[in-house]
N, C-alpha and C. Protein backbone atom coordinates (compact mmCIF):
# COMPACT_ATOMS: atom_id res chain seq x y z
N MET A 1 0.84 -1.18 0.00
CA MET A 1 0.00 0.00 0.00
C MET A 1 0.88 1.23 0.00
N SER A 2 0.74 2.09 -1.00
CA SER A 2 1.57 3.29 -1.05
C SER A 2 0.96 4.36 -0.18
N SER A 3 1.84 5.17 0.42
CA SER A 3 1.38 6.17 1.36
C SER A 3 0.53 7.25 0.69
N ASP A 4 0.72 7.48 -0.64
CA ASP A 4 -0.05 8.53 -1.28
C ASP A 4 -1.49 8.13 -1.54
N LYS A 5 -1.86 6.86 -1.31
CA LYS A 5 -3.24 6.42 -1.46
C LYS A 5 -3.92 6.28 -0.11
N ALA A 6 -3.17 6.33 0.94
CA ALA A 6 -3.72 6.14 2.28
C ALA A 6 -3.92 7.49 2.96
N ILE A 7 -4.71 7.46 4.04
CA ILE A 7 -4.96 8.67 4.82
C ILE A 7 -4.35 8.50 6.20
N VAL A 8 -3.65 9.53 6.65
CA VAL A 8 -3.12 9.54 8.01
C VAL A 8 -4.08 10.35 8.87
N HIS A 9 -4.66 9.71 9.87
CA HIS A 9 -5.60 10.37 10.77
C HIS A 9 -4.84 10.88 12.00
N VAL A 10 -4.83 12.19 12.18
CA VAL A 10 -4.12 12.80 13.30
C VAL A 10 -5.14 13.20 14.37
N ILE A 11 -4.97 12.64 15.57
CA ILE A 11 -5.90 12.91 16.67
C ILE A 11 -5.14 13.56 17.81
N ASP A 12 -5.46 14.82 18.09
CA ASP A 12 -4.79 15.53 19.18
C ASP A 12 -5.67 16.70 19.59
N ASP A 13 -5.79 16.93 20.90
CA ASP A 13 -6.63 18.04 21.36
C ASP A 13 -5.94 19.39 21.22
N ASP A 14 -4.64 19.38 20.91
CA ASP A 14 -3.88 20.62 20.73
C ASP A 14 -3.89 21.00 19.25
N GLU A 15 -4.57 22.10 18.93
CA GLU A 15 -4.73 22.50 17.52
C GLU A 15 -3.40 22.78 16.85
N ALA A 16 -2.47 23.38 17.59
CA ALA A 16 -1.16 23.70 17.01
C ALA A 16 -0.42 22.43 16.61
N ILE A 17 -0.51 21.40 17.43
CA ILE A 17 0.15 20.12 17.11
C ILE A 17 -0.53 19.47 15.92
N ARG A 18 -1.86 19.51 15.90
CA ARG A 18 -2.58 18.95 14.75
C ARG A 18 -2.13 19.60 13.45
N GLN A 19 -2.07 20.93 13.46
CA GLN A 19 -1.69 21.65 12.24
C GLN A 19 -0.24 21.37 11.85
N SER A 20 0.64 21.29 12.85
CA SER A 20 2.05 21.02 12.59
C SER A 20 2.24 19.64 11.97
N LEU A 21 1.57 18.63 12.54
CA LEU A 21 1.68 17.27 12.01
C LEU A 21 1.07 17.19 10.61
N ALA A 22 -0.07 17.83 10.43
CA ALA A 22 -0.73 17.81 9.12
C ALA A 22 0.18 18.41 8.06
N PHE A 23 0.82 19.55 8.38
CA PHE A 23 1.72 20.21 7.43
C PHE A 23 2.89 19.29 7.08
N LEU A 24 3.48 18.67 8.11
CA LEU A 24 4.62 17.78 7.89
C LEU A 24 4.25 16.61 6.98
N LEU A 25 3.12 16.00 7.26
CA LEU A 25 2.69 14.84 6.48
C LEU A 25 2.32 15.23 5.05
N GLN A 26 1.67 16.37 4.91
CA GLN A 26 1.27 16.82 3.57
C GLN A 26 2.49 17.17 2.72
N THR A 27 3.54 17.73 3.34
CA THR A 27 4.76 18.02 2.57
C THR A 27 5.42 16.72 2.11
N ALA A 28 5.12 15.62 2.80
CA ALA A 28 5.63 14.30 2.39
C ALA A 28 4.64 13.60 1.46
N ARG A 29 3.68 14.35 0.93
CA ARG A 29 2.70 13.86 -0.05
C ARG A 29 1.80 12.78 0.53
N MET A 30 1.40 12.96 1.78
CA MET A 30 0.44 12.05 2.41
C MET A 30 -0.87 12.80 2.63
N ALA A 31 -1.98 12.12 2.42
CA ALA A 31 -3.29 12.70 2.70
C ALA A 31 -3.52 12.66 4.21
N VAL A 32 -4.08 13.73 4.74
CA VAL A 32 -4.23 13.86 6.20
C VAL A 32 -5.64 14.30 6.55
N LYS A 33 -6.17 13.74 7.64
CA LYS A 33 -7.39 14.25 8.26
C LYS A 33 -7.07 14.47 9.74
N THR A 34 -7.58 15.55 10.31
CA THR A 34 -7.29 15.85 11.71
C THR A 34 -8.58 15.83 12.54
N TYR A 35 -8.42 15.50 13.81
CA TYR A 35 -9.54 15.39 14.74
C TYR A 35 -9.10 15.96 16.09
N ALA A 36 -10.00 16.70 16.74
CA ALA A 36 -9.69 17.29 18.03
C ALA A 36 -9.86 16.31 19.18
N SER A 37 -10.48 15.15 18.90
CA SER A 37 -10.69 14.16 19.97
C SER A 37 -10.83 12.78 19.36
N ALA A 38 -10.62 11.76 20.20
CA ALA A 38 -10.79 10.37 19.76
C ALA A 38 -12.25 10.11 19.41
N THR A 39 -13.16 10.75 20.15
CA THR A 39 -14.59 10.58 19.88
C THR A 39 -14.94 11.09 18.50
N ALA A 40 -14.38 12.24 18.12
CA ALA A 40 -14.64 12.80 16.79
C ALA A 40 -14.16 11.84 15.70
N PHE A 41 -13.02 11.20 15.94
CA PHE A 41 -12.51 10.23 14.97
C PHE A 41 -13.46 9.03 14.86
N LEU A 42 -13.87 8.49 16.00
CA LEU A 42 -14.74 7.30 16.00
C LEU A 42 -16.06 7.57 15.29
N GLU A 43 -16.54 8.80 15.36
CA GLU A 43 -17.80 9.15 14.69
C GLU A 43 -17.67 9.05 13.17
N GLN A 44 -16.44 9.14 12.65
CA GLN A 44 -16.23 9.10 11.20
C GLN A 44 -15.59 7.79 10.74
N LEU A 45 -15.58 6.79 11.60
CA LEU A 45 -14.91 5.52 11.29
C LEU A 45 -15.34 4.86 9.99
N PRO A 46 -16.62 4.87 9.62
CA PRO A 46 -16.99 4.19 8.38
C PRO A 46 -16.22 4.66 7.16
N ASP A 47 -15.70 5.90 7.21
CA ASP A 47 -14.97 6.43 6.07
C ASP A 47 -13.46 6.33 6.25
N ALA A 48 -13.02 5.55 7.27
CA ALA A 48 -11.59 5.52 7.59
C ALA A 48 -10.75 5.00 6.43
N GLY A 49 -11.19 3.88 5.79
CA GLY A 49 -10.47 3.35 4.64
C GLY A 49 -9.04 2.94 4.96
N PRO A 50 -8.22 2.70 3.92
CA PRO A 50 -6.81 2.34 4.14
C PRO A 50 -6.09 3.52 4.79
N SER A 51 -5.55 3.30 5.96
CA SER A 51 -5.00 4.44 6.68
C SER A 51 -4.25 4.00 7.92
N CYS A 52 -3.66 4.99 8.60
CA CYS A 52 -3.11 4.76 9.93
C CYS A 52 -3.48 5.95 10.81
N ILE A 53 -3.24 5.79 12.09
CA ILE A 53 -3.65 6.80 13.07
C ILE A 53 -2.42 7.27 13.84
N ILE A 54 -2.32 8.59 14.02
CA ILE A 54 -1.36 9.15 14.97
C ILE A 54 -2.20 9.80 16.07
N THR A 55 -2.05 9.36 17.30
CA THR A 55 -2.85 9.92 18.38
C THR A 55 -2.00 10.26 19.59
N ASP A 56 -2.34 11.36 20.23
CA ASP A 56 -1.70 11.69 21.51
C ASP A 56 -2.21 10.69 22.54
N VAL A 57 -1.37 10.32 23.47
CA VAL A 57 -1.80 9.35 24.48
C VAL A 57 -2.64 10.01 25.56
N ARG A 58 -2.33 11.30 25.86
CA ARG A 58 -3.07 12.03 26.89
C ARG A 58 -4.01 13.03 26.23
N MET A 59 -5.32 12.80 26.34
CA MET A 59 -6.30 13.74 25.80
C MET A 59 -7.49 13.78 26.75
N PRO A 60 -8.15 14.93 26.85
CA PRO A 60 -9.37 14.98 27.65
C PRO A 60 -10.44 14.09 27.02
N GLY A 61 -11.34 13.59 27.84
CA GLY A 61 -12.35 12.68 27.32
C GLY A 61 -11.74 11.31 27.12
N MET A 62 -11.74 10.82 25.90
CA MET A 62 -11.18 9.50 25.60
C MET A 62 -9.68 9.62 25.33
N SER A 63 -8.87 8.90 26.11
CA SER A 63 -7.41 8.94 25.94
C SER A 63 -6.99 8.06 24.76
N GLY A 64 -5.72 8.16 24.41
CA GLY A 64 -5.19 7.31 23.34
C GLY A 64 -5.30 5.83 23.68
N ILE A 65 -5.08 5.49 24.94
CA ILE A 65 -5.20 4.09 25.38
C ILE A 65 -6.63 3.60 25.23
N GLU A 66 -7.58 4.44 25.65
CA GLU A 66 -9.00 4.07 25.54
C GLU A 66 -9.41 3.93 24.08
N LEU A 67 -8.86 4.78 23.22
CA LEU A 67 -9.14 4.67 21.78
C LEU A 67 -8.65 3.33 21.25
N LEU A 68 -7.44 2.93 21.63
CA LEU A 68 -6.90 1.64 21.19
C LEU A 68 -7.82 0.49 21.62
N ARG A 69 -8.27 0.53 22.87
CA ARG A 69 -9.16 -0.53 23.35
C ARG A 69 -10.48 -0.54 22.58
N ARG A 70 -10.98 0.64 22.27
CA ARG A 70 -12.24 0.74 21.52
C ARG A 70 -12.06 0.18 20.10
N LEU A 71 -10.95 0.48 19.47
CA LEU A 71 -10.69 -0.05 18.13
C LEU A 71 -10.61 -1.57 18.15
N GLN A 72 -10.02 -2.12 19.22
CA GLN A 72 -9.96 -3.58 19.36
C GLN A 72 -11.35 -4.16 19.49
N GLU A 73 -12.19 -3.52 20.32
CA GLU A 73 -13.57 -3.99 20.50
C GLU A 73 -14.32 -3.98 19.17
N LEU A 74 -14.07 -2.96 18.37
CA LEU A 74 -14.75 -2.83 17.08
C LEU A 74 -14.10 -3.67 15.98
N LYS A 75 -12.98 -4.36 16.36
CA LYS A 75 -12.23 -5.19 15.40
C LYS A 75 -11.78 -4.38 14.18
N ILE A 76 -11.27 -3.18 14.46
CA ILE A 76 -10.76 -2.30 13.40
C ILE A 76 -9.24 -2.35 13.47
N GLY A 77 -8.63 -2.87 12.42
CA GLY A 77 -7.20 -3.15 12.45
C GLY A 77 -6.32 -2.06 11.90
N LEU A 78 -6.69 -0.80 12.10
CA LEU A 78 -5.83 0.28 11.61
C LEU A 78 -4.58 0.39 12.49
N PRO A 79 -3.40 0.54 11.89
CA PRO A 79 -2.20 0.73 12.71
C PRO A 79 -2.25 2.06 13.44
N VAL A 80 -1.88 2.04 14.72
CA VAL A 80 -1.94 3.24 15.55
C VAL A 80 -0.54 3.58 16.07
N ILE A 81 -0.12 4.82 15.84
CA ILE A 81 1.14 5.34 16.38
C ILE A 81 0.77 6.31 17.50
N VAL A 82 1.30 6.07 18.67
CA VAL A 82 0.97 6.89 19.83
C VAL A 82 2.09 7.90 20.08
N VAL A 83 1.70 9.14 20.31
CA VAL A 83 2.65 10.21 20.63
C VAL A 83 2.56 10.48 22.14
N THR A 84 3.69 10.45 22.80
CA THR A 84 3.71 10.64 24.25
C THR A 84 4.62 11.80 24.64
N GLY A 85 4.31 12.40 25.77
CA GLY A 85 5.16 13.44 26.31
C GLY A 85 6.34 12.84 27.05
N HIS A 86 7.30 13.67 27.39
CA HIS A 86 8.47 13.21 28.13
C HIS A 86 8.03 12.61 29.47
N GLY A 87 8.54 11.45 29.78
CA GLY A 87 8.19 10.80 31.04
C GLY A 87 6.97 9.91 30.98
N ASP A 88 6.37 9.79 29.79
CA ASP A 88 5.17 8.96 29.64
C ASP A 88 5.48 7.58 29.07
N VAL A 89 6.70 7.11 29.24
CA VAL A 89 7.07 5.81 28.69
C VAL A 89 6.17 4.68 29.21
N PRO A 90 5.81 4.66 30.53
CA PRO A 90 4.90 3.61 30.98
C PRO A 90 3.58 3.60 30.21
N LEU A 91 3.06 4.80 29.89
CA LEU A 91 1.83 4.87 29.09
C LEU A 91 2.07 4.35 27.68
N ALA A 92 3.23 4.67 27.12
CA ALA A 92 3.56 4.21 25.77
C ALA A 92 3.65 2.68 25.73
N VAL A 93 4.25 2.09 26.75
CA VAL A 93 4.35 0.63 26.82
C VAL A 93 2.96 0.02 26.93
N GLU A 94 2.10 0.64 27.75
CA GLU A 94 0.72 0.17 27.88
C GLU A 94 0.01 0.24 26.53
N ALA A 95 0.27 1.31 25.78
CA ALA A 95 -0.33 1.46 24.45
C ALA A 95 0.10 0.34 23.52
N MET A 96 1.38 -0.03 23.59
CA MET A 96 1.87 -1.14 22.77
C MET A 96 1.18 -2.44 23.16
N ARG A 97 0.95 -2.60 24.45
CA ARG A 97 0.28 -3.83 24.92
C ARG A 97 -1.14 -3.95 24.37
N VAL A 98 -1.80 -2.81 24.19
CA VAL A 98 -3.19 -2.86 23.71
C VAL A 98 -3.29 -2.57 22.22
N GLY A 99 -2.17 -2.70 21.49
CA GLY A 99 -2.28 -2.73 20.04
C GLY A 99 -1.57 -1.65 19.25
N ALA A 100 -0.96 -0.66 19.90
CA ALA A 100 -0.23 0.36 19.13
C ALA A 100 0.95 -0.30 18.40
N VAL A 101 1.22 0.16 17.18
CA VAL A 101 2.34 -0.42 16.43
C VAL A 101 3.67 0.25 16.79
N ASP A 102 3.59 1.48 17.32
CA ASP A 102 4.81 2.18 17.68
C ASP A 102 4.44 3.38 18.54
N PHE A 103 5.44 3.96 19.19
CA PHE A 103 5.21 5.21 19.91
C PHE A 103 6.38 6.16 19.69
N LEU A 104 6.08 7.44 19.77
CA LEU A 104 7.08 8.48 19.58
C LEU A 104 7.02 9.42 20.78
N GLU A 105 8.19 9.76 21.30
CA GLU A 105 8.26 10.71 22.42
C GLU A 105 8.46 12.12 21.88
N LYS A 106 7.70 13.06 22.44
CA LYS A 106 7.91 14.47 22.08
C LYS A 106 9.16 14.99 22.80
N PRO A 107 9.94 15.86 22.16
CA PRO A 107 9.82 16.25 20.75
C PRO A 107 10.45 15.17 19.87
N PHE A 108 9.84 14.89 18.75
CA PHE A 108 10.36 13.84 17.88
C PHE A 108 10.92 14.44 16.59
N ASP A 109 11.81 13.73 15.98
CA ASP A 109 12.41 14.14 14.71
C ASP A 109 11.40 13.93 13.58
N ASP A 110 11.29 14.91 12.69
CA ASP A 110 10.32 14.83 11.59
C ASP A 110 10.51 13.58 10.75
N GLU A 111 11.76 13.28 10.41
CA GLU A 111 12.04 12.12 9.55
C GLU A 111 11.69 10.81 10.25
N VAL A 112 11.93 10.78 11.57
CA VAL A 112 11.57 9.58 12.34
C VAL A 112 10.06 9.37 12.29
N LEU A 113 9.30 10.45 12.45
CA LEU A 113 7.84 10.32 12.39
C LEU A 113 7.39 9.84 11.01
N LEU A 114 7.94 10.45 9.97
CA LEU A 114 7.53 10.07 8.61
C LEU A 114 7.85 8.60 8.32
N GLU A 115 9.02 8.15 8.73
CA GLU A 115 9.38 6.75 8.48
C GLU A 115 8.51 5.81 9.32
N THR A 116 8.15 6.23 10.53
CA THR A 116 7.25 5.42 11.36
C THR A 116 5.89 5.27 10.69
N VAL A 117 5.40 6.37 10.13
CA VAL A 117 4.12 6.33 9.41
C VAL A 117 4.21 5.43 8.18
N ARG A 118 5.29 5.60 7.42
CA ARG A 118 5.45 4.76 6.21
C ARG A 118 5.51 3.28 6.57
N ALA A 119 6.22 2.96 7.65
CA ALA A 119 6.33 1.56 8.09
C ALA A 119 4.97 1.02 8.50
N ALA A 120 4.18 1.85 9.19
CA ALA A 120 2.83 1.42 9.61
C ALA A 120 1.94 1.15 8.40
N LEU A 121 2.05 2.01 7.38
CA LEU A 121 1.24 1.82 6.17
C LEU A 121 1.69 0.60 5.39
N ARG A 122 3.00 0.37 5.35
CA ARG A 122 3.50 -0.84 4.67
C ARG A 122 2.98 -2.09 5.36
N GLU A 123 3.03 -2.09 6.69
CA GLU A 123 2.56 -3.25 7.45
C GLU A 123 1.07 -3.47 7.23
N GLN A 124 0.30 -2.38 7.18
CA GLN A 124 -1.13 -2.55 6.94
C GLN A 124 -1.37 -3.13 5.56
N GLY A 125 -0.58 -2.68 4.57
CA GLY A 125 -0.70 -3.24 3.23
C GLY A 125 -0.38 -4.72 3.21
N ALA A 126 0.66 -5.12 3.95
CA ALA A 126 1.04 -6.53 4.02
C ALA A 126 -0.07 -7.34 4.69
N GLN A 127 -0.68 -6.79 5.74
CA GLN A 127 -1.76 -7.49 6.41
C GLN A 127 -2.95 -7.68 5.48
N ALA A 128 -3.26 -6.64 4.69
CA ALA A 128 -4.36 -6.73 3.74
C ALA A 128 -4.08 -7.82 2.70
N GLU A 129 -2.83 -7.89 2.24
CA GLU A 129 -2.46 -8.93 1.27
C GLU A 129 -2.58 -10.32 1.88
N ARG A 130 -2.18 -10.44 3.18
CA ARG A 130 -2.30 -11.75 3.84
C ARG A 130 -3.76 -12.16 3.99
N ARG A 131 -4.63 -11.19 4.32
CA ARG A 131 -6.06 -11.50 4.44
C ARG A 131 -6.63 -11.95 3.11
N THR A 132 -6.22 -11.28 2.02
CA THR A 132 -6.70 -11.65 0.69
C THR A 132 -6.22 -13.06 0.32
N ALA A 133 -4.94 -13.33 0.59
CA ALA A 133 -4.38 -14.65 0.29
C ALA A 133 -5.10 -15.74 1.07
N ARG A 134 -5.36 -15.48 2.34
CA ARG A 134 -6.05 -16.46 3.18
C ARG A 134 -7.45 -16.74 2.64
N ALA A 135 -8.17 -15.68 2.25
CA ALA A 135 -9.52 -15.84 1.71
C ALA A 135 -9.49 -16.68 0.43
N GLU A 136 -8.47 -16.46 -0.40
CA GLU A 136 -8.36 -17.24 -1.64
C GLU A 136 -8.11 -18.72 -1.34
N VAL A 137 -7.23 -18.99 -0.38
CA VAL A 137 -6.94 -20.38 -0.01
C VAL A 137 -8.17 -21.04 0.60
N GLU A 138 -8.90 -20.31 1.45
CA GLU A 138 -10.11 -20.86 2.05
C GLU A 138 -11.13 -21.24 0.98
N ALA A 139 -11.24 -20.41 -0.06
CA ALA A 139 -12.17 -20.70 -1.16
C ALA A 139 -11.74 -21.97 -1.91
N ARG A 140 -10.43 -22.14 -2.09
CA ARG A 140 -9.94 -23.35 -2.78
C ARG A 140 -10.21 -24.59 -1.94
N VAL A 141 -9.98 -24.50 -0.63
CA VAL A 141 -10.24 -25.64 0.25
C VAL A 141 -11.73 -26.01 0.21
N ALA A 142 -12.58 -25.00 0.21
CA ALA A 142 -14.03 -25.24 0.18
C ALA A 142 -14.47 -25.96 -1.09
N ALA A 143 -13.68 -25.80 -2.17
CA ALA A 143 -14.03 -26.43 -3.45
C ALA A 143 -13.57 -27.89 -3.54
N LEU A 144 -12.80 -28.36 -2.55
CA LEU A 144 -12.33 -29.76 -2.57
C LEU A 144 -13.46 -30.72 -2.25
N SER A 145 -13.39 -31.91 -2.87
CA SER A 145 -14.35 -32.96 -2.49
C SER A 145 -13.95 -33.51 -1.13
N LYS A 146 -14.85 -34.31 -0.53
CA LYS A 146 -14.54 -34.87 0.80
C LYS A 146 -13.27 -35.73 0.75
N ARG A 147 -13.13 -36.55 -0.28
CA ARG A 147 -11.97 -37.42 -0.39
C ARG A 147 -10.69 -36.60 -0.60
N GLU A 148 -10.77 -35.54 -1.43
CA GLU A 148 -9.60 -34.68 -1.63
C GLU A 148 -9.20 -34.01 -0.32
N ARG A 149 -10.20 -33.63 0.46
CA ARG A 149 -9.90 -33.02 1.76
C ARG A 149 -9.27 -34.05 2.71
N ASP A 150 -9.76 -35.29 2.66
CA ASP A 150 -9.17 -36.35 3.49
C ASP A 150 -7.70 -36.55 3.14
N VAL A 151 -7.40 -36.57 1.84
CA VAL A 151 -6.02 -36.74 1.39
C VAL A 151 -5.17 -35.54 1.83
N LEU A 152 -5.74 -34.34 1.72
CA LEU A 152 -5.03 -33.14 2.16
C LEU A 152 -4.68 -33.24 3.65
N ASP A 153 -5.64 -33.67 4.46
CA ASP A 153 -5.38 -33.83 5.90
C ASP A 153 -4.24 -34.81 6.14
N GLY A 154 -4.23 -35.89 5.36
CA GLY A 154 -3.17 -36.88 5.51
C GLY A 154 -1.81 -36.33 5.14
N LEU A 155 -1.77 -35.56 4.06
CA LEU A 155 -0.50 -34.97 3.60
C LEU A 155 0.03 -33.96 4.62
N VAL A 156 -0.88 -33.15 5.17
CA VAL A 156 -0.46 -32.15 6.16
C VAL A 156 0.02 -32.83 7.44
N ALA A 157 -0.53 -34.00 7.73
CA ALA A 157 -0.09 -34.76 8.91
C ALA A 157 1.24 -35.46 8.67
N GLY A 158 1.76 -35.37 7.41
CA GLY A 158 3.06 -35.94 7.10
C GLY A 158 3.02 -37.41 6.70
N ARG A 159 1.85 -37.89 6.32
CA ARG A 159 1.72 -39.30 5.96
C ARG A 159 2.06 -39.52 4.49
N ALA A 160 2.66 -40.67 4.21
CA ALA A 160 2.96 -41.07 2.83
C ALA A 160 1.67 -41.53 2.14
N ASN A 161 1.71 -41.56 0.80
CA ASN A 161 0.54 -41.98 0.04
C ASN A 161 0.02 -43.34 0.48
N LYS A 162 0.94 -44.29 0.73
CA LYS A 162 0.52 -45.65 1.12
C LYS A 162 -0.22 -45.64 2.45
N GLN A 163 0.26 -44.82 3.39
CA GLN A 163 -0.41 -44.74 4.69
C GLN A 163 -1.78 -44.09 4.56
N ILE A 164 -1.87 -43.04 3.74
CA ILE A 164 -3.17 -42.38 3.51
C ILE A 164 -4.13 -43.37 2.88
N ALA A 165 -3.63 -44.14 1.91
CA ALA A 165 -4.47 -45.14 1.24
C ALA A 165 -5.00 -46.16 2.25
N PHE A 166 -4.13 -46.64 3.12
CA PHE A 166 -4.53 -47.61 4.14
C PHE A 166 -5.59 -46.99 5.07
N ASP A 167 -5.33 -45.76 5.52
CA ASP A 167 -6.26 -45.09 6.44
C ASP A 167 -7.64 -44.90 5.82
N LEU A 168 -7.67 -44.61 4.51
CA LEU A 168 -8.94 -44.31 3.84
C LEU A 168 -9.57 -45.55 3.19
N GLY A 169 -8.84 -46.66 3.18
CA GLY A 169 -9.37 -47.89 2.58
C GLY A 169 -9.47 -47.82 1.07
N ILE A 170 -8.51 -47.11 0.46
CA ILE A 170 -8.48 -47.01 -1.00
C ILE A 170 -7.07 -47.37 -1.47
N SER A 171 -6.89 -47.47 -2.79
CA SER A 171 -5.58 -47.88 -3.31
C SER A 171 -4.63 -46.69 -3.37
N PRO A 172 -3.31 -46.96 -3.28
CA PRO A 172 -2.33 -45.88 -3.42
C PRO A 172 -2.48 -45.12 -4.73
N ARG A 173 -2.85 -45.84 -5.78
CA ARG A 173 -3.03 -45.18 -7.08
C ARG A 173 -4.17 -44.16 -7.01
N THR A 174 -5.23 -44.51 -6.31
CA THR A 174 -6.36 -43.59 -6.16
C THR A 174 -5.95 -42.36 -5.35
N VAL A 175 -5.12 -42.60 -4.33
CA VAL A 175 -4.62 -41.46 -3.53
C VAL A 175 -3.81 -40.52 -4.43
N GLU A 176 -2.98 -41.10 -5.32
CA GLU A 176 -2.20 -40.27 -6.24
C GLU A 176 -3.10 -39.40 -7.12
N ILE A 177 -4.22 -39.97 -7.55
CA ILE A 177 -5.16 -39.21 -8.39
C ILE A 177 -5.78 -38.06 -7.59
N TYR A 178 -6.22 -38.40 -6.35
CA TYR A 178 -6.79 -37.35 -5.50
C TYR A 178 -5.76 -36.27 -5.21
N ARG A 179 -4.53 -36.71 -4.98
CA ARG A 179 -3.45 -35.77 -4.66
C ARG A 179 -3.21 -34.83 -5.83
N ALA A 180 -3.16 -35.38 -7.03
CA ALA A 180 -2.96 -34.55 -8.22
C ALA A 180 -4.11 -33.57 -8.39
N ASN A 181 -5.33 -34.04 -8.15
CA ASN A 181 -6.51 -33.17 -8.28
C ASN A 181 -6.48 -32.02 -7.28
N LEU A 182 -6.14 -32.36 -6.03
CA LEU A 182 -6.17 -31.30 -5.01
C LEU A 182 -5.01 -30.32 -5.19
N MET A 183 -3.87 -30.82 -5.69
CA MET A 183 -2.76 -29.90 -5.99
C MET A 183 -3.21 -28.90 -7.06
N ASN A 184 -3.94 -29.40 -8.05
CA ASN A 184 -4.44 -28.55 -9.13
C ASN A 184 -5.46 -27.55 -8.61
N LYS A 185 -6.42 -28.04 -7.80
CA LYS A 185 -7.47 -27.16 -7.27
C LYS A 185 -6.90 -26.12 -6.31
N MET A 186 -5.90 -26.50 -5.55
CA MET A 186 -5.29 -25.58 -4.59
C MET A 186 -4.27 -24.66 -5.25
N GLN A 187 -3.96 -24.92 -6.54
CA GLN A 187 -2.97 -24.14 -7.28
C GLN A 187 -1.61 -24.15 -6.57
N ALA A 188 -1.25 -25.35 -6.09
CA ALA A 188 0.02 -25.53 -5.38
C ALA A 188 1.05 -26.13 -6.32
N GLY A 189 2.23 -25.52 -6.38
CA GLY A 189 3.27 -26.00 -7.28
C GLY A 189 4.13 -27.10 -6.67
N SER A 190 3.99 -27.30 -5.36
CA SER A 190 4.79 -28.32 -4.69
C SER A 190 4.06 -28.74 -3.42
N LEU A 191 4.52 -29.86 -2.85
CA LEU A 191 3.92 -30.33 -1.60
C LEU A 191 4.14 -29.31 -0.48
N SER A 192 5.32 -28.71 -0.44
CA SER A 192 5.60 -27.73 0.63
C SER A 192 4.67 -26.53 0.51
N GLU A 193 4.38 -26.10 -0.71
CA GLU A 193 3.45 -24.98 -0.91
C GLU A 193 2.05 -25.37 -0.46
N LEU A 194 1.66 -26.61 -0.78
CA LEU A 194 0.35 -27.11 -0.37
C LEU A 194 0.22 -27.12 1.16
N VAL A 195 1.25 -27.62 1.84
CA VAL A 195 1.23 -27.68 3.30
C VAL A 195 1.19 -26.26 3.87
N ARG A 196 1.95 -25.35 3.29
CA ARG A 196 1.97 -23.96 3.77
C ARG A 196 0.58 -23.33 3.66
N MET A 197 -0.09 -23.59 2.53
CA MET A 197 -1.45 -23.07 2.34
C MET A 197 -2.40 -23.64 3.40
N ALA A 198 -2.30 -24.95 3.61
CA ALA A 198 -3.19 -25.61 4.58
C ALA A 198 -2.99 -25.04 5.97
N LEU A 199 -1.74 -24.84 6.35
CA LEU A 199 -1.45 -24.30 7.68
C LEU A 199 -1.96 -22.85 7.80
N MET A 200 -1.91 -22.11 6.70
CA MET A 200 -2.38 -20.73 6.70
C MET A 200 -3.84 -20.63 7.12
N VAL A 201 -4.63 -21.63 6.70
CA VAL A 201 -6.07 -21.58 7.01
C VAL A 201 -6.44 -22.50 8.17
N GLY A 202 -5.42 -22.96 8.90
CA GLY A 202 -5.70 -23.69 10.14
C GLY A 202 -5.90 -25.18 9.99
N ILE A 203 -5.53 -25.76 8.84
CA ILE A 203 -5.63 -27.21 8.67
C ILE A 203 -4.35 -27.83 9.22
N LEU A 204 -4.48 -28.61 10.27
CA LEU A 204 -3.30 -29.15 10.96
C LEU A 204 -3.10 -30.63 10.71
N GLY A 205 -4.01 -31.23 9.99
CA GLY A 205 -3.83 -32.62 9.59
C GLY A 205 -3.96 -33.64 10.72
N GLN A 206 -4.84 -33.37 11.69
CA GLN A 206 -5.00 -34.35 12.75
C GLN A 206 -5.82 -35.56 12.31
N ASN A 207 -6.67 -35.34 11.28
CA ASN A 207 -7.60 -36.42 10.90
C ASN A 207 -6.89 -37.59 10.24
């Protein structure tokens, strides 16, 4: 995900800091939206889209920590960078525990902030790609016949074709046919790729 397509949401009750951060991010060709409170941001969540959040940890009303907890409750996986004042390291650590991807202590270096934001956006892009890949693999697994799924379970459990054949009461040759079919349906170029796909969607081969 490129930063010029994403939005950086800046949440801070200090207008001067909001404007300063917005200017810095915009000069780096990033789209920015600012909010005077965490509540104001949450009210506009449906339009959040691909983005990351920079929030002060100490704010009147809902704090940065409370915002992180609320995002977790809502199952919203936007990366959050927390900005803390000098001496607020315990709060920053608490923020990391409840889901912040990073924290910055004031005063922070402009380049450090920009790289932190870029890293957060890259990670969000990677997560989106992983979710897409997982959904594709799940769809392929769902398209397998029961016997193909049985053979897949056996392969993931590390069993040889002969053992799978014995377990299922079919011939080794039939297992080879099922194996070839499921490799094709799963679009796997090798057994290791097939196993990796299965593990991605939680198939552990106990059966």
